Each structure stands twice: as C-alpha cells, then as structure tokens.
C-alpha cells in the first residue's frame, strides 16, 4: 500500500467519493431549492460557525467578495456538482446570498458608431 492509501488526511483522499457523499448527505443535485449556474455570484452573509463542515466554512471565508460558482469550484478544487449542493445548503440556511451576474453593457448601434468615426475623421 502506498503512503496516500494509509494516510486519511492525504490530499489524494481529501476528495474521496466517500467523503463527498458524506458532505452532501448523498444528494447529487440542488433540486428546486436553488437555481445556480456557473456564473451566479455568491457573497457571504455570515461567518462560519464552529460546527460548519470544512468545505462550507472555506467557501464562506472565500466569498467575502463576490465569486462565481465556477470560481469557487476552481479555487476549492471541488467538482461543480459538490459545490452547488454545498451552496444550496448555505443559501437555504441564509449564510450566503446568490446574485445574478452583471449583464453585458448594451453597445450602441453600428450606424451610430460609424457616424461618430466619420465625424472624427472629418476633423
């Protein structure tokens, strides 16, 4: 047996499917509780409690500034499915707030831009 197989605290065992099952309570989706997509912004509303699971506590500390679900998954090295289940729980308990991403700026019509460019060229 390798050292990683013997040491339950090793990084290889950190994201073990058994551990993920325990963290999510066996759930695989967020269901109707939360509509989260990859660009939904998450912001912390409260500090982690001593009884908060380590993964959830890490997310709470990380999201003092808004982060997208995809960024949280990348920074924690956790699968998106696991992150969305944890976030759904945190949303239900009102520890975090989900915000829609900022919409793209509406660009002016092409004709207006061309008219401005033509006017500038005439100067």
Protein backbone atom coordinates (compact mmCIF):
# COMPACT_ATOMS: atom_id res chain seq x y z
CA UNK A 1 0.00 0.00 0.00
CA UNK A 2 1.17 3.46 -0.75
CA UNK A 3 1.51 6.18 1.83
CA UNK A 4 -1.53 8.02 0.39
CA UNK A 5 -3.71 4.91 0.89
CA UNK A 6 -2.72 4.67 4.55
CA UNK A 7 -3.00 8.35 5.47
CA UNK A 8 -6.64 9.50 5.59
CA UNK A 9 -5.51 13.14 5.77
CA UNK A 10 -3.56 12.98 2.49
CA UNK A 11 -4.52 15.26 -0.38
CA UNK A 12 -5.47 12.29 -2.57
CA UNK A 13 -8.11 11.18 -0.07
CA UNK A 14 -9.40 14.71 0.52
CA UNK A 15 -11.84 14.48 -2.42
CA UNK A 16 -12.62 10.82 -2.00
CA UNK A 17 -16.11 9.90 -3.31
CA UNK A 18 -16.98 8.60 0.17
CA UNK A 19 -16.10 11.96 1.71
CA UNK A 20 -18.11 13.80 -0.95
CA UNK A 21 -21.08 11.55 -0.21
CA UNK A 22 -20.87 12.46 3.47
CA UNK A 23 -20.51 16.19 2.76
CA UNK A 24 -23.61 16.25 0.53
CA UNK A 25 -25.65 13.80 2.56
CA UNK A 26 -25.90 11.61 -0.52
CA UNK A 27 -27.57 14.32 -2.60
CA UNK A 28 -26.41 14.86 -6.16
CA UNK A 29 -28.36 17.95 -7.21
CA UNK A 30 -29.76 21.14 -5.82
CA UNK A 31 -33.30 20.42 -6.97
CA UNK A 32 -35.78 23.26 -6.79
CA UNK A 33 -34.09 24.81 -3.75
CA UNK A 34 -31.66 26.93 -5.67
CA UNK A 35 -31.19 27.97 -9.27
CA UNK A 36 -27.42 28.13 -9.51
CA UNK A 37 -25.42 28.24 -12.70
CA UNK A 38 -21.72 28.68 -13.32
CA UNK A 39 -21.86 32.49 -13.40
CA UNK A 40 -24.11 33.06 -10.39
CA UNK A 41 -22.27 35.29 -7.93
CA UNK A 42 -22.09 34.15 -4.31
CA UNK A 43 -21.49 36.53 -1.38
CA UNK A 44 -21.11 35.59 2.29
CA UNK A 45 -23.67 36.99 4.72
CA UNK A 46 -22.34 35.39 7.94
CA UNK A 47 -19.20 33.92 9.43
CA UNK A 48 -18.74 30.13 9.57
CA UNK A 49 -19.87 28.52 12.81
CA UNK A 50 -17.65 26.03 14.69
CA UNK A 51 -19.98 23.22 13.57
CA UNK A 52 -19.81 24.16 9.87
CA UNK A 53 -18.27 21.50 7.62
CA UNK A 54 -14.75 22.42 6.46
CA UNK A 55 -15.75 22.71 2.80
CA UNK A 56 -18.65 25.04 3.59
CA UNK A 57 -16.52 27.07 6.02
CA UNK A 58 -13.87 27.51 3.32
CA UNK A 59 -16.49 28.73 0.87
CA UNK A 60 -17.88 31.19 3.43
CA UNK A 61 -14.43 32.64 4.08
CA UNK A 62 -13.64 32.80 0.37
CA UNK A 63 -16.83 34.61 -0.66
CA UNK A 64 -16.44 37.81 1.35
CA UNK A 65 -16.10 39.37 -2.10
CA UNK A 66 -18.47 38.07 -4.80
CA UNK A 67 -17.25 34.94 -6.60
CA UNK A 68 -18.97 32.90 -9.28
CA UNK A 69 -19.87 29.26 -8.72
CA UNK A 70 -17.23 28.31 -11.30
CA UNK A 71 -14.54 30.30 -9.47
CA UNK A 72 -15.46 28.69 -6.15
CA UNK A 73 -15.17 25.26 -7.73
CA UNK A 74 -11.78 26.13 -9.22
CA UNK A 75 -10.35 27.66 -6.04
CA UNK A 76 -11.52 24.79 -3.83
CA UNK A 77 -10.65 22.07 -6.38
CA UNK A 78 -14.09 20.58 -5.73
CA UNK A 79 -16.41 19.36 -8.50
CA UNK A 80 -19.15 21.78 -9.58
CA UNK A 81 -21.81 19.28 -8.51
CA UNK A 82 -20.46 19.17 -4.97
CA UNK A 83 -20.07 22.96 -4.79
CA UNK A 84 -23.65 23.54 -5.94
CA UNK A 85 -25.02 21.18 -3.29
CA UNK A 86 -22.98 22.92 -0.56
CA UNK A 87 -24.07 26.33 -1.86
CA UNK A 88 -27.72 25.27 -1.94
CA UNK A 89 -27.43 24.31 1.73
CA UNK A 90 -25.72 27.60 2.58
CA UNK A 91 -28.42 29.53 0.67
CA UNK A 92 -31.19 27.68 2.48
CA UNK A 93 -29.57 28.47 5.84
CA UNK A 94 -29.13 32.13 4.70
CA UNK A 95 -25.35 32.08 5.17
CA UNK A 96 -24.77 33.26 1.59
CA UNK A 97 -26.59 35.34 -0.99
CA UNK A 98 -26.79 34.46 -4.68
CA UNK A 99 -26.75 37.31 -7.17
CA UNK A 100 -27.27 37.35 -10.90
CA UNK A 101 -24.14 38.32 -12.81
CA UNK A 102 -23.87 41.86 -14.08
CA UNK A 103 -25.44 41.95 -17.56
CA UNK A 104 -23.32 42.88 -20.52
CA UNK A 105 -23.29 46.53 -21.40
CA UNK A 106 -25.54 47.37 -24.31
CA UNK A 107 -23.46 48.64 -27.18
CA UNK A 108 -24.76 51.43 -29.39
CA UNK A 109 -25.90 50.54 -32.87
CA UNK A 110 -23.28 50.12 -35.55
CA UNK A 111 -24.64 53.05 -37.58
CA UNK A 112 -24.09 55.43 -34.65
CA UNK A 113 -20.51 54.25 -34.16
CA UNK A 114 -19.80 54.66 -37.88
CA UNK A 115 -21.29 58.17 -37.84
CA UNK A 116 -19.07 59.16 -34.89
CA UNK A 117 -15.99 57.68 -36.58
CA UNK A 118 -16.83 59.54 -39.82
CA UNK A 119 -17.30 62.78 -37.88
CA UNK A 120 -13.95 62.34 -36.12
CA UNK A 121 -12.20 61.69 -39.42
CA UNK A 122 -13.59 64.97 -40.79
CA UNK A 123 -11.94 67.00 -38.01
